[in-house]
Amino acid sequence: RSEPAARPVRGAQKPRREQIEGTLKELEQRQKKAKRPPLSVRLGQAGLSWSKRQFIIISAAIGFVAMVIGFLAGGGILPALAFGFAGGFGIPRWLLKFLKKRREAKFLNGLPDAVDVITRGIKAGLPLLDSMKLIANEAPEPLRGEFRSMIETQTIGIPLGEACLKLYERIPVAEANFFGIVVSIQQRAGGNLSEALGNLSRVLRDRKKMKAKIKAMSQEAKSSAAIIGALPIIVMALVWFTSPAYIELLWTDSFGRV
């Protein structure tokens, strides 16, 4: 009597397992495509509302100003061109990378609390979408904007799991990918969502603690490296203030220049 009752359960588990494996393979393919996003996507990841044309115009303006400064400094045409190249291609992309990292740090700082709020809402009987609306209305930026974007994407007909997976395209961090995978698998294969999100919240907090420990342990070495690297500049400045004739040989004498 027990064997016929066990066969349907095994038969039900096999398609669910295959469905989860297919979902994970699809997510892996999406991640490979998202490794080199275009410029418009990187602007969105940095939290900027600029268009691609605006970014190119601003980069060209910065490059032109840098070239003029290099030329007026008396360095000649070649150093001026080098200044213009660094200003047009280096500074805007460095700023874009800096804004992207700062936005990701703010997102990671508030994501565990947001997942806890969603988990408590689901345990209280609220649907997942209504629990996410709490984050979209009350959480600080960039969490508020990202969850609002997921809700707006879902309202135009895209499934909620697919909308959550797009979070990784705007915030390319592993934690955002974890959240999208958990919701997508639950929407496709079913399961206890509150338990899965509770486990995800613990994982996010453990990762946050581990990053803080690594940062604290490496701070001593970074401080030592900064002090050692600044010593030549500090010594040169002290020598310049105390006996400038001694250090002027570095740029007045031919051997000193070498």
Protein backbone atom coordinates (compact mmCIF):
# COMPACT_ATOMS: atom_id res chain seq x y z
CA ARG A 1 0.00 0.00 0.00
CA SER A 2 2.88 2.44 0.75
CA GLU A 3 4.65 2.04 -2.63
CA PRO A 4 1.82 3.34 -4.88
CA ALA A 5 1.44 6.40 -2.61
CA ALA A 6 5.17 7.18 -2.81
CA ARG A 7 5.39 7.05 -6.61
CA PRO A 8 3.29 10.17 -7.32
CA VAL A 9 5.39 12.17 -4.84
CA ARG A 10 8.60 11.17 -6.59
CA GLY A 11 7.01 11.94 -9.93
CA ALA A 12 6.00 15.38 -8.69
CA GLN A 13 9.47 16.12 -7.31
CA LYS A 14 11.26 15.29 -10.54
CA PRO A 15 9.54 17.91 -12.76
CA ARG A 16 10.02 20.53 -10.02
CA ARG A 17 13.72 19.72 -9.82
CA GLU A 18 14.04 19.92 -13.60
CA GLN A 19 12.20 23.23 -13.60
CA ILE A 20 14.57 24.68 -11.00
CA GLU A 21 17.60 23.45 -12.95
CA GLY A 22 16.24 25.02 -16.13
CA THR A 23 15.66 28.31 -14.31
CA LEU A 24 19.21 28.33 -12.96
CA LYS A 25 20.67 27.65 -16.41
CA GLU A 26 18.66 30.50 -17.85
CA LEU A 27 19.87 32.83 -15.10
CA GLU A 28 23.47 31.82 -15.73
CA GLN A 29 23.13 32.70 -19.42
CA ARG A 30 21.68 36.10 -18.52
CA GLN A 31 24.57 36.82 -16.18
CA LYS A 32 27.10 36.07 -18.93
CA LYS A 33 25.36 38.54 -21.23
CA ALA A 34 25.27 41.23 -18.51
CA LYS A 35 29.04 41.22 -17.86
CA ARG A 36 29.69 43.96 -20.45
CA PRO A 37 26.71 46.31 -20.30
CA PRO A 38 26.41 49.20 -22.79
CA LEU A 39 26.94 52.80 -21.79
CA SER A 40 23.24 53.50 -21.31
CA VAL A 41 22.99 50.64 -18.79
CA ARG A 42 26.09 51.83 -16.91
CA LEU A 43 24.58 55.30 -16.61
CA GLY A 44 21.50 53.75 -15.01
CA GLN A 45 23.66 51.66 -12.69
CA ALA A 46 25.34 54.87 -11.51
CA GLY A 47 21.96 56.44 -10.79
CA LEU A 48 22.27 59.07 -13.54
CA SER A 49 19.39 60.07 -15.79
CA TRP A 50 21.70 61.21 -18.58
CA SER A 51 21.38 59.94 -22.10
CA LYS A 52 24.31 58.54 -24.02
CA ARG A 53 24.55 61.74 -26.05
CA GLN A 54 24.67 63.92 -22.95
CA PHE A 55 27.45 61.81 -21.45
CA ILE A 56 29.53 62.08 -24.63
CA ILE A 57 29.01 65.88 -24.77
CA ILE A 58 30.01 66.28 -21.11
CA SER A 59 33.06 64.05 -21.62
CA ALA A 60 34.13 66.11 -24.66
CA ALA A 61 33.70 69.35 -22.68
CA ILE A 62 35.82 68.03 -19.80
CA GLY A 63 38.49 66.87 -22.25
CA PHE A 64 38.56 70.28 -23.96
CA VAL A 65 38.89 72.14 -20.65
CA ALA A 66 41.68 69.80 -19.53
CA MET A 67 43.51 70.31 -22.85
CA VAL A 68 43.26 74.10 -22.53
CA ILE A 69 44.58 73.97 -18.96
CA GLY A 70 47.49 71.78 -20.04
CA PHE A 71 48.32 74.15 -22.91
CA LEU A 72 48.10 77.29 -20.76
CA ALA A 73 50.37 75.67 -18.18
CA GLY A 74 53.18 75.89 -20.75
CA GLY A 75 53.63 72.19 -21.33
CA GLY A 76 53.30 72.26 -25.11
CA ILE A 77 50.91 70.61 -27.51
CA LEU A 78 51.71 66.99 -26.64
CA PRO A 79 51.15 67.33 -22.89
CA ALA A 80 48.00 69.34 -23.65
CA LEU A 81 46.70 66.48 -25.82
CA ALA A 82 47.55 64.02 -23.05
CA PHE A 83 45.64 66.16 -20.55
CA GLY A 84 42.68 66.33 -22.94
CA PHE A 85 42.67 62.57 -23.48
CA ALA A 86 42.80 61.91 -19.73
CA GLY A 87 40.05 64.45 -19.10
CA GLY A 88 37.76 63.22 -21.88
CA PHE A 89 38.15 59.47 -21.40
CA GLY A 90 39.48 59.02 -17.88
CA ILE A 91 37.67 61.42 -15.56
CA PRO A 92 34.06 60.77 -16.75
CA ARG A 93 34.48 57.00 -16.62
CA TRP A 94 36.18 57.16 -13.24
CA LEU A 95 33.31 59.30 -11.95
CA LEU A 96 30.80 56.84 -13.43
CA LYS A 97 32.53 53.94 -11.68
CA PHE A 98 32.68 55.86 -8.40
CA LEU A 99 28.96 56.71 -8.47
CA LYS A 100 28.11 53.11 -9.37
CA LYS A 101 30.06 51.71 -6.41
CA ARG A 102 28.58 54.26 -4.02
CA ARG A 103 25.06 53.43 -5.17
CA GLU A 104 25.71 49.69 -4.81
CA ALA A 105 27.03 50.24 -1.28
CA LYS A 106 23.85 52.11 -0.29
CA PHE A 107 21.73 49.35 -1.81
CA LEU A 108 23.59 46.58 0.02
CA ASN A 109 23.38 48.49 3.28
CA GLY A 110 19.57 48.50 3.21
CA LEU A 111 18.77 45.26 1.37
CA PRO A 112 18.78 42.91 4.44
CA ASP A 113 16.28 45.15 6.25
CA ALA A 114 14.10 45.30 3.14
CA VAL A 115 14.09 41.50 2.85
CA ASP A 116 13.12 41.27 6.54
CA VAL A 117 10.19 43.63 5.97
CA ILE A 118 9.01 41.54 3.00
CA THR A 119 9.36 38.34 5.05
CA ARG A 120 7.32 39.74 7.93
CA GLY A 121 4.68 40.99 5.50
CA ILE A 122 4.32 37.55 3.90
CA LYS A 123 4.10 35.86 7.31
CA ALA A 124 1.36 38.36 8.24
CA GLY A 125 -0.66 37.30 5.20
CA LEU A 126 0.21 40.02 2.69
CA PRO A 127 0.94 39.06 -0.93
CA LEU A 128 4.50 39.44 -2.16
CA LEU A 129 3.60 42.41 -4.35
CA ASP A 130 2.01 44.33 -1.47
CA SER A 131 5.01 43.63 0.73
CA MET A 132 7.31 44.99 -1.96
CA LYS A 133 5.14 48.11 -2.21
CA LEU A 134 6.03 48.84 1.43
CA ILE A 135 9.69 49.02 0.41
CA ALA A 136 8.87 51.11 -2.66
CA ASN A 137 7.05 53.66 -0.49
CA GLU A 138 9.10 53.84 2.70
CA ALA A 139 12.67 52.65 2.03
CA PRO A 140 15.49 55.11 1.28
CA GLU A 141 17.08 55.44 -2.12
CA PRO A 142 18.21 53.51 -4.11
CA LEU A 143 16.05 50.72 -2.65
CA ARG A 144 12.88 52.74 -3.12
CA GLY A 145 13.56 53.43 -6.79
CA GLU A 146 14.62 49.88 -7.62
CA PHE A 147 11.59 48.25 -5.97
CA ARG A 148 9.31 50.83 -7.56
CA SER A 149 10.84 49.95 -10.92
CA MET A 150 10.15 46.24 -10.31
CA ILE A 151 6.53 46.97 -9.39
CA GLU A 152 6.06 49.16 -12.47
CA THR A 153 7.58 46.44 -14.66
CA GLN A 154 5.16 43.92 -13.18
CA THR A 155 2.13 46.15 -13.81
CA ILE A 156 2.75 46.20 -17.58
CA GLY A 157 2.36 42.42 -17.80
CA ILE A 158 5.81 41.02 -17.00
CA PRO A 159 5.73 38.30 -14.29
CA LEU A 160 7.00 39.33 -10.89
CA GLY A 161 9.81 36.78 -11.01
CA GLU A 162 11.08 38.22 -14.29
CA ALA A 163 10.82 41.75 -12.89
CA CYS A 164 12.93 40.75 -9.87
CA LEU A 165 15.54 39.17 -12.12
CA LYS A 166 16.00 42.51 -13.90
CA LEU A 167 17.22 43.94 -10.60
CA TYR A 168 20.64 42.40 -11.26
CA GLU A 169 20.90 44.34 -14.52
CA ARG A 170 20.54 47.66 -12.68
CA ILE A 171 22.43 46.68 -9.51
CA PRO A 172 25.09 44.14 -10.62
CA VAL A 173 25.92 42.69 -7.20
CA ALA A 174 25.59 39.11 -5.99
CA GLU A 175 23.06 40.02 -3.30
CA ALA A 176 20.61 41.46 -5.85
CA ASN A 177 21.07 38.33 -7.93
CA PHE A 178 20.25 36.15 -4.90
CA PHE A 179 17.00 38.04 -4.32
CA GLY A 180 15.97 37.71 -7.97
CA ILE A 181 16.76 33.98 -8.04
CA VAL A 182 14.79 33.25 -4.84
CA VAL A 183 11.68 35.08 -6.04
CA SER A 184 11.90 33.71 -9.59
CA ILE A 185 12.26 30.09 -8.47
CA GLN A 186 9.40 30.46 -6.01
CA GLN A 187 7.15 31.98 -8.69
CA ARG A 188 7.92 29.17 -11.13
CA ALA A 189 8.30 26.10 -8.93
CA GLY A 190 6.45 27.08 -5.75
CA GLY A 191 7.62 26.63 -2.19
CA ASN A 192 7.65 28.44 1.14
CA LEU A 193 8.64 31.99 0.15
CA SER A 194 8.81 33.38 3.70
CA GLU A 195 11.26 30.65 4.73
CA ALA A 196 13.37 31.18 1.61
CA LEU A 197 13.49 34.95 2.13
CA GLY A 198 14.33 34.44 5.81
CA ASN A 199 17.29 32.27 4.83
CA LEU A 200 18.28 34.89 2.25
CA SER A 201 18.19 37.61 4.90
CA ARG A 202 20.56 35.62 7.12
CA VAL A 203 22.90 35.04 4.19
CA LEU A 204 22.92 38.75 3.34
CA ARG A 205 23.69 39.74 6.91
CA ASP A 206 26.47 37.13 7.17
CA ARG A 207 28.02 38.42 3.95
CA LYS A 208 27.79 41.98 5.28
CA LYS A 209 29.52 40.99 8.52
CA MET A 210 32.23 39.14 6.62
CA LYS A 211 32.93 42.14 4.40
CA ALA A 212 33.18 44.38 7.47
CA LYS A 213 35.65 41.96 9.11
CA ILE A 214 37.78 41.80 5.96
CA LYS A 215 37.78 45.60 5.71
CA ALA A 216 38.81 45.96 9.34
CA MET A 217 41.58 43.38 9.03
CA SER A 218 43.00 44.96 5.87
CA GLN A 219 42.76 48.54 7.14
CA GLU A 220 46.02 48.28 9.12
CA ALA A 221 47.99 47.21 6.06
CA LYS A 222 46.37 49.93 3.95
CA SER A 223 47.21 52.58 6.52
CA SER A 224 50.84 51.44 6.67
CA ALA A 225 51.08 51.48 2.88
CA ALA A 226 49.59 54.99 2.72
CA ILE A 227 52.07 56.30 5.30
CA ILE A 228 55.06 54.70 3.58
CA GLY A 229 53.90 55.96 0.19
CA ALA A 230 53.47 59.51 1.50
CA LEU A 231 56.91 59.66 3.16
CA PRO A 232 58.86 60.73 0.02
CA ILE A 233 56.42 63.58 -0.65
CA ILE A 234 56.46 64.70 3.00
CA VAL A 235 60.26 64.60 3.19
CA MET A 236 60.57 66.52 -0.07
CA ALA A 237 58.18 69.21 1.20
CA LEU A 238 60.08 69.52 4.50
CA VAL A 239 63.40 69.83 2.69
CA TRP A 240 61.89 72.44 0.36
CA PHE A 241 60.73 74.58 3.29
CA THR A 242 63.94 74.20 5.32
CA SER A 243 66.66 74.36 2.63
CA PRO A 244 65.25 74.93 -0.87
CA ALA A 245 68.69 75.35 -2.42
CA TYR A 246 69.50 71.75 -1.49
CA ILE A 247 66.55 70.21 -3.34
CA GLU A 248 66.54 72.61 -6.31
CA LEU A 249 69.38 70.59 -7.81
CA LEU A 250 66.78 67.98 -8.78
CA TRP A 251 65.41 70.24 -11.53
CA THR A 252 68.17 72.82 -12.08
CA ASP A 253 71.05 70.42 -12.60
CA SER A 254 71.08 68.05 -15.59
CA PHE A 255 72.19 65.06 -13.50
CA GLY A 256 69.49 65.85 -10.94
CA ARG A 257 66.83 65.80 -13.67
CA VAL A 258 68.03 62.37 -14.78
